[in-house]
């Protein structure tokens, strides 16, 4: 099985899977994570 890279691990650490984000906050988080993976 393939291993995940540094960007994926960083992004996963910044998202709380048990929390429900409101739409604006979720979009902001996704945009921020997108920048960190490029």
N, C-alpha and C. Protein backbone atom coordinates (compact mmCIF):
# COMPACT_ATOMS: atom_id res chain seq x y z
N UNK A 1 0.84 -1.18 0.00
CA UNK A 1 0.00 0.00 0.00
C UNK A 1 0.89 1.25 0.00
N UNK A 2 0.50 2.24 -0.76
CA UNK A 2 1.28 3.46 -0.88
C UNK A 2 1.25 4.27 0.41
N UNK A 3 2.33 4.99 0.66
CA UNK A 3 2.40 5.83 1.85
C UNK A 3 2.01 7.25 1.48
N UNK A 4 1.50 7.98 2.45
CA UNK A 4 1.10 9.36 2.22
C UNK A 4 2.28 10.29 2.44
N UNK A 5 2.28 11.39 1.69
CA UNK A 5 3.36 12.35 1.76
C UNK A 5 3.18 13.37 2.87
N UNK A 6 4.14 14.28 2.95
CA UNK A 6 4.15 15.30 3.99
C UNK A 6 2.93 16.23 3.90
N UNK A 7 2.57 16.63 2.69
CA UNK A 7 1.44 17.54 2.52
C UNK A 7 0.14 16.91 2.99
N UNK A 8 -0.06 15.66 2.66
CA UNK A 8 -1.27 14.95 3.08
C UNK A 8 -1.32 14.84 4.60
N UNK A 9 -0.21 14.47 5.20
CA UNK A 9 -0.17 14.33 6.65
C UNK A 9 -0.43 15.66 7.34
N UNK A 10 0.12 16.74 6.80
CA UNK A 10 -0.11 18.07 7.36
C UNK A 10 -1.58 18.45 7.25
N UNK A 11 -2.17 18.22 6.08
CA UNK A 11 -3.58 18.56 5.87
C UNK A 11 -4.48 17.73 6.79
N UNK A 12 -4.18 16.48 6.93
CA UNK A 12 -5.00 15.61 7.78
C UNK A 12 -4.91 16.04 9.24
N UNK A 13 -3.77 16.51 9.66
CA UNK A 13 -3.61 16.97 11.02
C UNK A 13 -4.35 18.27 11.32
N UNK A 14 -4.65 19.03 10.29
CA UNK A 14 -5.33 20.31 10.47
C UNK A 14 -6.84 20.21 10.42
N UNK A 15 -7.38 19.05 10.05
CA UNK A 15 -8.83 18.85 9.95
C UNK A 15 -9.28 17.95 11.10
N UNK A 16 -10.29 18.39 11.82
CA UNK A 16 -10.85 17.60 12.92
C UNK A 16 -12.04 16.80 12.38
N UNK A 17 -11.90 15.49 12.27
CA UNK A 17 -12.93 14.64 11.68
C UNK A 17 -14.18 14.54 12.55
N UNK A 18 -14.07 14.84 13.83
CA UNK A 18 -15.22 14.73 14.72
C UNK A 18 -16.04 16.02 14.76
N UNK A 19 -15.54 17.06 14.15
CA UNK A 19 -16.20 18.37 14.19
C UNK A 19 -16.98 18.61 12.91
N UNK A 20 -18.13 19.27 13.05
CA UNK A 20 -18.92 19.64 11.88
C UNK A 20 -18.66 21.12 11.60
N UNK A 21 -18.06 21.41 10.46
CA UNK A 21 -17.70 22.78 10.10
C UNK A 21 -18.88 23.47 9.43
N UNK A 22 -19.02 24.78 9.67
CA UNK A 22 -20.04 25.52 8.94
C UNK A 22 -19.52 25.75 7.52
N UNK A 23 -20.41 25.99 6.55
CA UNK A 23 -19.99 26.07 5.14
C UNK A 23 -18.86 27.06 4.86
N UNK A 24 -18.94 28.26 5.43
CA UNK A 24 -17.90 29.26 5.16
C UNK A 24 -16.55 28.81 5.70
N UNK A 25 -16.56 28.26 6.89
CA UNK A 25 -15.31 27.80 7.49
C UNK A 25 -14.74 26.62 6.72
N UNK A 26 -15.60 25.73 6.25
CA UNK A 26 -15.15 24.56 5.49
C UNK A 26 -14.50 24.98 4.18
N UNK A 27 -15.11 25.93 3.49
CA UNK A 27 -14.54 26.40 2.22
C UNK A 27 -13.20 27.08 2.46
N UNK A 28 -13.11 27.89 3.51
CA UNK A 28 -11.85 28.56 3.84
C UNK A 28 -10.77 27.53 4.15
N UNK A 29 -11.13 26.49 4.90
CA UNK A 29 -10.17 25.45 5.24
C UNK A 29 -9.71 24.70 3.99
N UNK A 30 -10.64 24.36 3.11
CA UNK A 30 -10.28 23.65 1.88
C UNK A 30 -9.35 24.48 1.00
N UNK A 31 -9.64 25.76 0.87
CA UNK A 31 -8.78 26.63 0.07
C UNK A 31 -7.38 26.72 0.67
N UNK A 32 -7.31 26.81 1.98
CA UNK A 32 -6.01 26.88 2.66
C UNK A 32 -5.24 25.57 2.49
N UNK A 33 -5.93 24.44 2.60
CA UNK A 33 -5.27 23.15 2.42
C UNK A 33 -4.81 22.95 0.98
N UNK A 34 -5.58 23.46 0.04
CA UNK A 34 -5.22 23.34 -1.37
C UNK A 34 -3.88 24.05 -1.63
N UNK A 35 -3.69 25.21 -1.02
CA UNK A 35 -2.44 25.95 -1.20
C UNK A 35 -1.26 25.20 -0.61
N UNK A 36 -1.49 24.50 0.48
CA UNK A 36 -0.37 23.82 1.13
C UNK A 36 0.05 22.56 0.38
N UNK A 37 -0.82 22.03 -0.49
CA UNK A 37 -0.48 20.80 -1.20
C UNK A 37 0.14 21.06 -2.56
N UNK A 38 0.15 22.30 -3.03
CA UNK A 38 0.68 22.59 -4.36
C UNK A 38 2.13 22.94 -4.27
